[in-house]
Amino acid sequence: QVQLVESGGGLVQPGGSLRLSCAASRSIFGIYTITWYRQ
């Protein structure tokens, strides 16, 4: 089992920037494929 927690979202003006983070409960990112989706 892997737990993932996203953070970094918020309100921004057009043309602005944000950095989102996806933190995992254990070391997986050197092996797993990570995909960002949006809805």
PDB file of all heavy atoms in Angstrom:
ATOM      1  N   GLN A   1       0.824  -1.186   0.000  1.00  0.00           N
ATOM      2  CA  GLN A   1       0.000   0.000   0.000  1.00  0.00           C
ATOM      3  C   GLN A   1       0.867   1.248   0.000  1.00  0.00           C
ATOM      4  O   GLN A   1       1.903   1.283   0.655  1.00  0.00           O
ATOM      5  CB  GLN A   1      -0.930   0.038   1.210  1.00  0.00           C
ATOM      6  CG  GLN A   1      -1.978  -1.049   1.204  1.00  0.00           C
ATOM      7  CD  GLN A   1      -3.000  -0.816   0.106  1.00  0.00           C
ATOM      8  OE1 GLN A   1      -3.480   0.299  -0.075  1.00  0.00           O
ATOM      9  NE2 GLN A   1      -3.310  -1.871  -0.640  1.00  0.00           N
ATOM     10  N   VAL A   2       0.422   2.256  -0.749  1.00  0.00           N
ATOM     11  CA  VAL A   2       1.103   3.533  -0.837  1.00  0.00           C
ATOM     12  C   VAL A   2       0.079   4.624  -0.588  1.00  0.00           C
ATOM     13  O   VAL A   2      -0.998   4.633  -1.198  1.00  0.00           O
ATOM     14  CB  VAL A   2       1.761   3.744  -2.210  1.00  0.00           C
ATOM     15  CG1 VAL A   2       2.397   5.127  -2.286  1.00  0.00           C
ATOM     16  CG2 VAL A   2       2.801   2.657  -2.474  1.00  0.00           C
ATOM     17  N   GLN A   3       0.405   5.530   0.307  1.00  0.00           N
ATOM     18  CA  GLN A   3      -0.436   6.688   0.561  1.00  0.00           C
ATOM     19  C   GLN A   3       0.187   7.910  -0.111  1.00  0.00           C
ATOM     20  O   GLN A   3       1.389   8.146   0.024  1.00  0.00           O
ATOM     21  CB  GLN A   3      -0.582   6.948   2.056  1.00  0.00           C
ATOM     22  CG  GLN A   3      -1.065   5.747   2.855  1.00  0.00           C
ATOM     23  CD  GLN A   3      -2.464   5.337   2.481  1.00  0.00           C
ATOM     24  OE1 GLN A   3      -3.329   6.186   2.260  1.00  0.00           O
ATOM     25  NE2 GLN A   3      -2.689   4.032   2.413  1.00  0.00           N
ATOM     26  N   LEU A   4      -0.628   8.674  -0.829  1.00  0.00           N
ATOM     27  CA  LEU A   4      -0.180   9.866  -1.531  1.00  0.00           C
ATOM     28  C   LEU A   4      -0.975  11.066  -1.041  1.00  0.00           C
ATOM     29  O   LEU A   4      -2.195  10.985  -0.888  1.00  0.00           O
ATOM     30  CB  LEU A   4      -0.377   9.722  -3.040  1.00  0.00           C
ATOM     31  CG  LEU A   4       0.323   8.551  -3.729  1.00  0.00           C
ATOM     32  CD1 LEU A   4      -0.092   8.486  -5.190  1.00  0.00           C
ATOM     33  CD2 LEU A   4       1.835   8.692  -3.615  1.00  0.00           C
ATOM     34  N   VAL A   5      -0.286  12.171  -0.821  1.00  0.00           N
ATOM     35  CA  VAL A   5      -0.922  13.397  -0.370  1.00  0.00           C
ATOM     36  C   VAL A   5      -0.458  14.538  -1.247  1.00  0.00           C
ATOM     37  O   VAL A   5       0.737  14.839  -1.305  1.00  0.00           O
ATOM     38  CB  VAL A   5      -0.602  13.702   1.101  1.00  0.00           C
ATOM     39  CG1 VAL A   5      -1.257  15.017   1.518  1.00  0.00           C
ATOM     40  CG2 VAL A   5      -1.074  12.572   1.999  1.00  0.00           C
ATOM     41  N   GLU A   6      -1.413  15.196  -1.918  1.00  0.00           N
ATOM     42  CA  GLU A   6      -1.113  16.361  -2.732  1.00  0.00           C
ATOM     43  C   GLU A   6      -1.231  17.626  -1.892  1.00  0.00           C
ATOM     44  O   GLU A   6      -2.057  17.705  -0.982  1.00  0.00           O
ATOM     45  CB  GLU A   6      -2.067  16.472  -3.929  1.00  0.00           C
ATOM     46  CG  GLU A   6      -2.036  15.284  -4.872  1.00  0.00           C
ATOM     47  CD  GLU A   6      -3.132  14.279  -4.589  1.00  0.00           C
ATOM     48  OE1 GLU A   6      -3.583  14.191  -3.425  1.00  0.00           O
ATOM     49  OE2 GLU A   6      -3.547  13.582  -5.530  1.00  0.00           O
ATOM     50  N   SER A   7      -0.434  18.619  -2.249  1.00  0.00           N
ATOM     51  CA  SER A   7      -0.515  19.917  -1.606  1.00  0.00           C
ATOM     52  C   SER A   7      -0.022  20.973  -2.577  1.00  0.00           C
ATOM     53  O   SER A   7       0.528  20.657  -3.627  1.00  0.00           O
ATOM     54  CB  SER A   7       0.295  19.951  -0.310  1.00  0.00           C
ATOM     55  OG  SER A   7       1.671  19.731  -0.566  1.00  0.00           O
ATOM     56  N   GLY A   8      -0.208  22.226  -2.220  1.00  0.00           N
ATOM     57  CA  GLY A   8       0.309  23.329  -3.004  1.00  0.00           C
ATOM     58  C   GLY A   8      -0.713  24.045  -3.860  1.00  0.00           C
ATOM     59  O   GLY A   8      -0.380  25.055  -4.490  1.00  0.00           O
ATOM     60  N   GLY A   9      -1.929  23.548  -3.893  1.00  0.00           N
ATOM     61  CA  GLY A   9      -2.959  24.212  -4.662  1.00  0.00           C
ATOM     62  C   GLY A   9      -3.389  25.515  -4.019  1.00  0.00           C
ATOM     63  O   GLY A   9      -3.026  25.834  -2.887  1.00  0.00           O
ATOM     64  N   GLY A  10      -4.162  26.276  -4.765  1.00  0.00           N
ATOM     65  CA  GLY A  10      -4.646  27.542  -4.267  1.00  0.00           C
ATOM     66  C   GLY A  10      -5.188  28.399  -5.380  1.00  0.00           C
ATOM     67  O   GLY A  10      -5.416  27.931  -6.490  1.00  0.00           O
ATOM     68  N   LEU A  11      -5.389  29.661  -5.061  1.00  0.00           N
ATOM     69  CA  LEU A  11      -5.909  30.643  -6.002  1.00  0.00           C
ATOM     70  C   LEU A  11      -4.757  31.455  -6.568  1.00  0.00           C
ATOM     71  O   LEU A  11      -3.926  31.978  -5.817  1.00  0.00           O
ATOM     72  CB  LEU A  11      -6.909  31.560  -5.303  1.00  0.00           C
ATOM     73  CG  LEU A  11      -7.467  32.726  -6.111  1.00  0.00           C
ATOM     74  CD1 LEU A  11      -8.287  32.219  -7.288  1.00  0.00           C
ATOM     75  CD2 LEU A  11      -8.293  33.627  -5.212  1.00  0.00           C
ATOM     76  N   VAL A  12      -4.723  31.576  -7.882  1.00  0.00           N
ATOM     77  CA  VAL A  12      -3.670  32.331  -8.545  1.00  0.00           C
ATOM     78  C   VAL A  12      -4.272  33.077  -9.725  1.00  0.00           C
ATOM     79  O   VAL A  12      -5.247  32.630 -10.328  1.00  0.00           O
ATOM     80  CB  VAL A  12      -2.525  31.399  -8.995  1.00  0.00           C
ATOM     81  CG1 VAL A  12      -2.998  30.431 -10.071  1.00  0.00           C
ATOM     82  CG2 VAL A  12      -1.316  32.186  -9.456  1.00  0.00           C
ATOM     83  N   GLN A  13      -3.685  34.223 -10.048  1.00  0.00           N
ATOM     84  CA  GLN A  13      -4.155  34.998 -11.192  1.00  0.00           C
ATOM     85  C   GLN A  13      -3.647  34.408 -12.499  1.00  0.00           C
ATOM     86  O   GLN A  13      -2.615  33.729 -12.531  1.00  0.00           O
ATOM     87  CB  GLN A  13      -3.688  36.445 -11.076  1.00  0.00           C
ATOM     88  CG  GLN A  13      -4.340  37.217  -9.945  1.00  0.00           C
ATOM     89  CD  GLN A  13      -3.947  38.670  -9.953  1.00  0.00           C
ATOM     90  OE1 GLN A  13      -2.791  39.013 -10.191  1.00  0.00           O
ATOM     91  NE2 GLN A  13      -4.918  39.536  -9.701  1.00  0.00           N
ATOM     92  N   PRO A  14      -4.364  34.638 -13.589  1.00  0.00           N
ATOM     93  CA  PRO A  14      -3.848  34.206 -14.888  1.00  0.00           C
ATOM     94  C   PRO A  14      -2.437  34.725 -15.118  1.00  0.00           C
ATOM     95  O   PRO A  14      -2.122  35.879 -14.811  1.00  0.00           O
ATOM     96  CB  PRO A  14      -4.841  34.811 -15.886  1.00  0.00           C
ATOM     97  CG  PRO A  14      -6.109  34.925 -15.108  1.00  0.00           C
ATOM     98  CD  PRO A  14      -5.686  35.273 -13.705  1.00  0.00           C
ATOM     99  N   GLY A  15      -1.597  33.854 -15.662  1.00  0.00           N
ATOM    100  CA  GLY A  15      -0.198  34.181 -15.857  1.00  0.00           C
ATOM    101  C   GLY A  15       0.689  33.861 -14.679  1.00  0.00           C
ATOM    102  O   GLY A  15       1.921  33.915 -14.809  1.00  0.00           O
ATOM    103  N   GLY A  16       0.096  33.512 -13.554  1.00  0.00           N
ATOM    104  CA  GLY A  16       0.851  33.197 -12.363  1.00  0.00           C
ATOM    105  C   GLY A  16       1.349  31.766 -12.346  1.00  0.00           C
ATOM    106  O   GLY A  16       1.174  31.010 -13.301  1.00  0.00           O
ATOM    107  N   SER A  17       1.960  31.398 -11.217  1.00  0.00           N
ATOM    108  CA  SER A  17       2.582  30.089 -11.069  1.00  0.00           C
ATOM    109  C   SER A  17       2.207  29.452  -9.745  1.00  0.00           C
ATOM    110  O   SER A  17       1.943  30.138  -8.751  1.00  0.00           O
ATOM    111  CB  SER A  17       4.105  30.203 -11.135  1.00  0.00           C
ATOM    112  OG  SER A  17       4.541  30.696 -12.385  1.00  0.00           O
ATOM    113  N   LEU A  18       2.198  28.135  -9.741  1.00  0.00           N
ATOM    114  CA  LEU A  18       2.052  27.333  -8.538  1.00  0.00           C
ATOM    115  C   LEU A  18       2.929  26.106  -8.673  1.00  0.00           C
ATOM    116  O   LEU A  18       3.187  25.642  -9.788  1.00  0.00           O
ATOM    117  CB  LEU A  18       0.608  26.869  -8.326  1.00  0.00           C
ATOM    118  CG  LEU A  18      -0.432  27.870  -7.849  1.00  0.00           C
ATOM    119  CD1 LEU A  18      -1.817  27.230  -7.900  1.00  0.00           C
ATOM    120  CD2 LEU A  18      -0.126  28.351  -6.444  1.00  0.00           C
ATOM    121  N   ARG A  19       3.366  25.566  -7.540  1.00  0.00           N
ATOM    122  CA  ARG A  19       4.053  24.292  -7.528  1.00  0.00           C
ATOM    123  C   ARG A  19       3.282  23.326  -6.647  1.00  0.00           C
ATOM    124  O   ARG A  19       3.118  23.563  -5.448  1.00  0.00           O
ATOM    125  CB  ARG A  19       5.490  24.405  -7.023  1.00  0.00           C
ATOM    126  CG  ARG A  19       6.267  23.091  -7.206  1.00  0.00           C
ATOM    127  CD  ARG A  19       7.703  23.174  -6.752  1.00  0.00           C
ATOM    128  NE  ARG A  19       7.817  23.174  -5.303  1.00  0.00           N
ATOM    129  CZ  ARG A  19       8.939  22.920  -4.647  1.00  0.00           C
ATOM    130  NH1 ARG A  19      10.059  22.647  -5.321  1.00  0.00           N
ATOM    131  NH2 ARG A  19       8.955  22.959  -3.328  1.00  0.00           N
ATOM    132  N   LEU A  20       2.815  22.250  -7.249  1.00  0.00           N
ATOM    133  CA  LEU A  20       2.119  21.207  -6.527  1.00  0.00           C
ATOM    134  C   LEU A  20       3.105  20.141  -6.072  1.00  0.00           C
ATOM    135  O   LEU A  20       4.096  19.864  -6.754  1.00  0.00           O
ATOM    136  CB  LEU A  20       1.048  20.559  -7.400  1.00  0.00           C
ATOM    137  CG  LEU A  20       0.027  21.495  -8.044  1.00  0.00           C
ATOM    138  CD1 LEU A  20      -1.014  20.676  -8.802  1.00  0.00           C
ATOM    139  CD2 LEU A  20      -0.625  22.398  -7.011  1.00  0.00           C
ATOM    140  N   SER A  21       2.813  19.539  -4.930  1.00  0.00           N
ATOM    141  CA  SER A  21       3.630  18.461  -4.397  1.00  0.00           C
ATOM    142  C   SER A  21       2.783  17.217  -4.211  1.00  0.00           C
ATOM    143  O   SER A  21       1.600  17.302  -3.874  1.00  0.00           O
ATOM    144  CB  SER A  21       4.244  18.851  -3.051  1.00  0.00           C
ATOM    145  OG  SER A  21       5.092  19.967  -3.175  1.00  0.00           O
ATOM    146  N   CYS A  22       3.390  16.072  -4.424  1.00  0.00           N
ATOM    147  CA  CYS A  22       2.766  14.776  -4.174  1.00  0.00           C
ATOM    148  C   CYS A  22       3.735  13.983  -3.320  1.00  0.00           C
ATOM    149  O   CYS A  22       4.783  13.540  -3.806  1.00  0.00           O
ATOM    150  CB  CYS A  22       2.472  14.066  -5.492  1.00  0.00           C
ATOM    151  SG  CYS A  22       1.841  12.384  -5.320  1.00  0.00           S
ATOM    152  N   ALA A  23       3.400  13.833  -2.053  1.00  0.00           N
ATOM    153  CA  ALA A  23       4.273  13.153  -1.103  1.00  0.00           C
ATOM    154  C   ALA A  23       3.779  11.735  -0.868  1.00  0.00           C
ATOM    155  O   ALA A  23       2.587  11.514  -0.631  1.00  0.00           O
ATOM    156  CB  ALA A  23       4.321  13.920   0.211  1.00  0.00           C
ATOM    157  N   ALA A  24       4.690  10.784  -0.901  1.00  0.00           N
ATOM    158  CA  ALA A  24       4.369   9.377  -0.715  1.00  0.00           C
ATOM    159  C   ALA A  24       4.768   8.903   0.671  1.00  0.00           C
ATOM    160  O   ALA A  24       5.698   9.432   1.286  1.00  0.00           O
ATOM    161  CB  ALA A  24       5.060   8.521  -1.770  1.00  0.00           C
ATOM    162  N   SER A  25       4.063   7.886   1.144  1.00  0.00           N
ATOM    163  CA  SER A  25       4.313   7.361   2.478  1.00  0.00           C
ATOM    164  C   SER A  25       5.568   6.511   2.561  1.00  0.00           C
ATOM    165  O   SER A  25       6.045   6.235   3.664  1.00  0.00           O
ATOM    166  CB  SER A  25       3.112   6.534   2.942  1.00  0.00           C
ATOM    167  OG  SER A  25       2.849   5.467   2.050  1.00  0.00           O
ATOM    168  N   ARG A  26       6.092   6.092   1.423  1.00  0.00           N
ATOM    169  CA  ARG A  26       7.340   5.360   1.392  1.00  0.00           C
ATOM    170  C   ARG A  26       8.038   5.609   0.074  1.00  0.00           C
ATOM    171  O   ARG A  26       7.466   6.220  -0.836  1.00  0.00           O
ATOM    172  CB  ARG A  26       7.118   3.867   1.631  1.00  0.00           C
ATOM    173  CG  ARG A  26       6.175   3.195   0.651  1.00  0.00           C
ATOM    174  CD  ARG A  26       5.968   1.741   1.054  1.00  0.00           C
ATOM    175  NE  ARG A  26       4.996   1.063   0.210  1.00  0.00           N
ATOM    176  CZ  ARG A  26       5.293   0.427  -0.919  1.00  0.00           C
ATOM    177  NH1 ARG A  26       6.545   0.393  -1.355  1.00  0.00           N
ATOM    178  NH2 ARG A  26       4.335  -0.171  -1.614  1.00  0.00           N
ATOM    179  N   SER A  27       9.253   5.126  -0.049  1.00  0.00           N
ATOM    180  CA  SER A  27      10.067   5.396  -1.225  1.00  0.00           C
ATOM    181  C   SER A  27       9.564   4.579  -2.408  1.00  0.00           C
ATOM    182  O   SER A  27       9.688   3.356  -2.429  1.00  0.00           O
ATOM    183  CB  SER A  27      11.532   5.069  -0.943  1.00  0.00           C
ATOM    184  OG  SER A  27      12.332   5.351  -2.072  1.00  0.00           O
ATOM    185  N   ILE A  28       9.010   5.278  -3.404  1.00  0.00           N
ATOM    186  CA  ILE A  28       8.446   4.610  -4.574  1.00  0.00           C
ATOM    187  C   ILE A  28       8.828   5.271  -5.884  1.00  0.00           C
ATOM    188  O   ILE A  28       8.719   4.643  -6.935  1.00  0.00           O
ATOM    189  CB  ILE A  28       6.912   4.550  -4.508  1.00  0.00           C
ATOM    190  CG1 ILE A  28       6.310   5.959  -4.545  1.00  0.00           C
ATOM    191  CG2 ILE A  28       6.448   3.780  -3.276  1.00  0.00           C
ATOM    192  CD1 ILE A  28       4.822   5.973  -4.790  1.00  0.00           C
ATOM    193  N   PHE A  29       9.264   6.507  -5.865  1.00  0.00           N
ATOM    194  CA  PHE A  29       9.310   7.296  -7.088  1.00  0.00           C
ATOM    195  C   PHE A  29      10.435   6.929  -8.029  1.00  0.00           C
ATOM    196  O   PHE A  29      10.416   7.336  -9.190  1.00  0.00           O
ATOM    197  CB  PHE A  29       9.335   8.789  -6.750  1.00  0.00           C
ATOM    198  CG  PHE A  29       8.089   9.261  -6.063  1.00  0.00           C
ATOM    199  CD1 PHE A  29       8.154   9.881  -4.828  1.00  0.00           C
ATOM    200  CD2 PHE A  29       6.852   9.070  -6.645  1.00  0.00           C
ATOM    201  CE1 PHE A  29       7.013  10.312  -4.188  1.00  0.00           C
ATOM    202  CE2 PHE A  29       5.696   9.490  -6.018  1.00  0.00           C
ATOM    203  CZ  PHE A  29       5.775  10.116  -4.780  1.00  0.00           C
ATOM    204  N   GLY A  30      11.391   6.160  -7.586  1.00  0.00           N
ATOM    205  CA  GLY A  30      12.402   5.657  -8.496  1.00  0.00           C
ATOM    206  C   GLY A  30      11.959   4.428  -9.254  1.00  0.00           C
ATOM    207  O   GLY A  30      12.666   3.983 -10.165  1.00  0.00           O
ATOM    208  N   ILE A  31      10.806   3.883  -8.896  1.00  0.00           N
ATOM    209  CA  ILE A  31      10.304   2.650  -9.489  1.00  0.00           C
ATOM    210  C   ILE A  31       8.958   2.850 -10.158  1.00  0.00           C
ATOM    211  O   ILE A  31       8.746   2.429 -11.293  1.00  0.00           O
ATOM    212  CB  ILE A  31      10.182   1.541  -8.428  1.00  0.00           C
ATOM    213  CG1 ILE A  31      11.544   1.284  -7.770  1.00  0.00           C
ATOM    214  CG2 ILE A  31       9.621   0.267  -9.045  1.00  0.00           C
ATOM    215  CD1 ILE A  31      12.597   0.767  -8.721  1.00  0.00           C
ATOM    216  N   TYR A  32       8.046   3.483  -9.476  1.00  0.00           N
ATOM    217  CA  TYR A  32       6.694   3.683  -9.980  1.00  0.00           C
ATOM    218  C   TYR A  32       6.645   4.774 -11.034  1.00  0.00           C
ATOM    219  O   TYR A  32       7.457   5.711 -11.032  1.00  0.00           O
ATOM    220  CB  TYR A  32       5.748   4.072  -8.849  1.00  0.00           C
ATOM    221  CG  TYR A  32       5.315   2.944  -7.949  1.00  0.00           C
ATOM    222  CD1 TYR A  32       6.217   2.268  -7.152  1.00  0.00           C
ATOM    223  CD2 TYR A  32       3.970   2.575  -7.887  1.00  0.00           C
ATOM    224  CE1 TYR A  32       5.819   1.239  -6.315  1.00  0.00           C
ATOM    225  CE2 TYR A  32       3.550   1.553  -7.053  1.00  0.00           C
ATOM    226  CZ  TYR A  32       4.485   0.894  -6.264  1.00  0.00           C
ATOM    227  OH  TYR A  32       4.065  -0.111  -5.428  1.00  0.00           O
ATOM    228  N   THR A  33       5.675   4.656 -11.920  1.00  0.00           N
ATOM    229  CA  THR A  33       5.331   5.741 -12.822  1.00  0.00           C
ATOM    230  C   THR A  33       4.336   6.656 -12.111  1.00  0.00           C
ATOM    231  O   THR A  33       3.328   6.191 -11.579  1.00  0.00           O
ATOM    232  CB  THR A  33       4.719   5.206 -14.119  1.00  0.00           C
ATOM    233  OG1 THR A  33       5.719   4.469 -14.832  1.00  0.00           O
ATOM    234  CG2 THR A  33       4.214   6.338 -14.994  1.00  0.00           C
ATOM    235  N   ILE A  34       4.634   7.938 -12.106  1.00  0.00           N
ATOM    236  CA  ILE A  34       3.796   8.926 -11.440  1.00  0.00           C
ATOM    237  C   ILE A  34       3.109   9.770 -12.499  1.00  0.00           C
ATOM    238  O   ILE A  34       3.766  10.300 -13.399  1.00  0.00           O
ATOM    239  CB  ILE A  34       4.604   9.825 -10.499  1.00  0.00           C
ATOM    240  CG1 ILE A  34       5.478   8.990  -9.560  1.00  0.00           C
ATOM    241  CG2 ILE A  34       3.660  10.743  -9.719  1.00  0.00           C
ATOM    242  CD1 ILE A  34       4.702   8.033  -8.682  1.00  0.00           C
ATOM    243  N   THR A  35       1.808   9.910 -12.373  1.00  0.00           N
ATOM    244  CA  THR A  35       1.029  10.708 -13.306  1.00  0.00           C
ATOM    245  C   THR A  35       0.257  11.764 -12.540  1.00  0.00           C
ATOM    246  O   THR A  35      -0.393  11.459 -11.535  1.00  0.00           O
ATOM    247  CB  THR A  35       0.044   9.840 -14.096  1.00  0.00           C
ATOM    248  OG1 THR A  35       0.758   8.789 -14.762  1.00  0.00           O
ATOM    249  CG2 THR A  35      -0.694  10.673 -15.133  1.00  0.00           C
ATOM    250  N   TRP A  36       0.334  12.993 -13.013  1.00  0.00           N
ATOM    251  CA  TRP A  36      -0.549  14.057 -12.544  1.00  0.00           C
ATOM    252  C   TRP A  36      -1.766  14.100 -13.466  1.00  0.00           C
ATOM    253  O   TRP A  36      -1.622  14.130 -14.692  1.00  0.00           O
ATOM    254  CB  TRP A  36       0.135  15.417 -12.547  1.00  0.00           C
ATOM    255  CG  TRP A  36       1.056  15.653 -11.399  1.00  0.00           C
ATOM    256  CD1 TRP A  36       2.403  15.529 -11.381  1.00  0.00           C
ATOM    257  CD2 TRP A  36       0.679  16.087 -10.081  1.00  0.00           C
ATOM    258  NE1 TRP A  36       2.902  15.853 -10.152  1.00  0.00           N
ATOM    259  CE2 TRP A  36       1.866  16.191  -9.331  1.00  0.00           C
ATOM    260  CE3 TRP A  36      -0.540  16.388  -9.470  1.00  0.00           C
ATOM    261  CZ2 TRP A  36       1.874  16.592  -7.990  1.00  0.00           C
ATOM    262  CZ3 TRP A  36      -0.534  16.779  -8.140  1.00  0.00           C
ATOM    263  CH2 TRP A  36       0.659  16.879  -7.423  1.00  0.00           C
ATOM    264  N   TYR A  37      -2.929  14.103 -12.859  1.00  0.00           N
ATOM    265  CA  TYR A  37      -4.195  14.272 -13.556  1.00  0.00           C
ATOM    266  C   TYR A  37      -4.882  15.528 -13.042  1.00  0.00           C
ATOM    267  O   TYR A  37      -4.555  16.044 -11.970  1.00  0.00           O
ATOM    268  CB  TYR A  37      -5.128  13.089 -13.306  1.00  0.00           C
ATOM    269  CG  TYR A  37      -4.717  11.782 -13.937  1.00  0.00           C
ATOM    270  CD1 TYR A  37      -3.804  10.941 -13.319  1.00  0.00           C
ATOM    271  CD2 TYR A  37      -5.274  11.373 -15.149  1.00  0.00           C
ATOM    272  CE1 TYR A  37      -3.444   9.727 -13.886  1.00  0.00           C
ATOM    273  CE2 TYR A  37      -4.923  10.166 -15.719  1.00  0.00           C
ATOM    274  CZ  TYR A  37      -4.009   9.353 -15.081  1.00  0.00           C
ATOM    275  OH  TYR A  37      -3.667   8.148 -15.652  1.00  0.00           O
ATOM    276  N   ARG A  38      -5.858  15.978 -13.805  1.00  0.00           N
ATOM    277  CA  ARG A  38      -6.704  17.052 -13.322  1.00  0.00           C
ATOM    278  C   ARG A  38      -8.134  16.820 -13.780  1.00  0.00           C
ATOM    279  O   ARG A  38      -8.381  16.208 -14.819  1.00  0.00           O
ATOM    280  CB  ARG A  38      -6.214  18.427 -13.773  1.00  0.00           C
ATOM    281  CG  ARG A  38      -6.301  18.687 -15.269  1.00  0.00           C
ATOM    282  CD  ARG A  38      -5.651  20.021 -15.600  1.00  0.00           C
ATOM    283  NE  ARG A  38      -5.747  20.342 -17.016  1.00  0.00           N
ATOM    284  CZ  ARG A  38      -5.143  21.373 -17.588  1.00  0.00           C
ATOM    285  NH1 ARG A  38      -4.391  22.196 -16.859  1.00  0.00           N
ATOM    286  NH2 ARG A  38      -5.292  21.592 -18.889  1.00  0.00           N
ATOM    287  N   GLN A  39      -9.058  17.325 -12.989  1.00  0.00           N
ATOM    288  CA  GLN A  39     -10.469  17.181 -13.299  1.00  0.00           C
ATOM    289  C   GLN A  39     -11.205  18.452 -12.899  1.00  0.00           C
ATOM    290  O   GLN A  39     -11.218  18.825 -11.723  1.00  0.00           O
ATOM    291  CB  GLN A  39     -11.077  15.978 -12.586  1.00  0.00           C
ATOM    292  CG  GLN A  39     -12.506  15.688 -12.998  1.00  0.00           C
ATOM    293  CD  GLN A  39     -12.981  14.334 -12.514  1.00  0.00           C
ATOM    294  OE1 GLN A  39     -12.490  13.811 -11.518  1.00  0.00           O
ATOM    295  NE2 GLN A  39     -13.936  13.760 -13.224  1.00  0.00           N
TER     296      GLN A  39
END
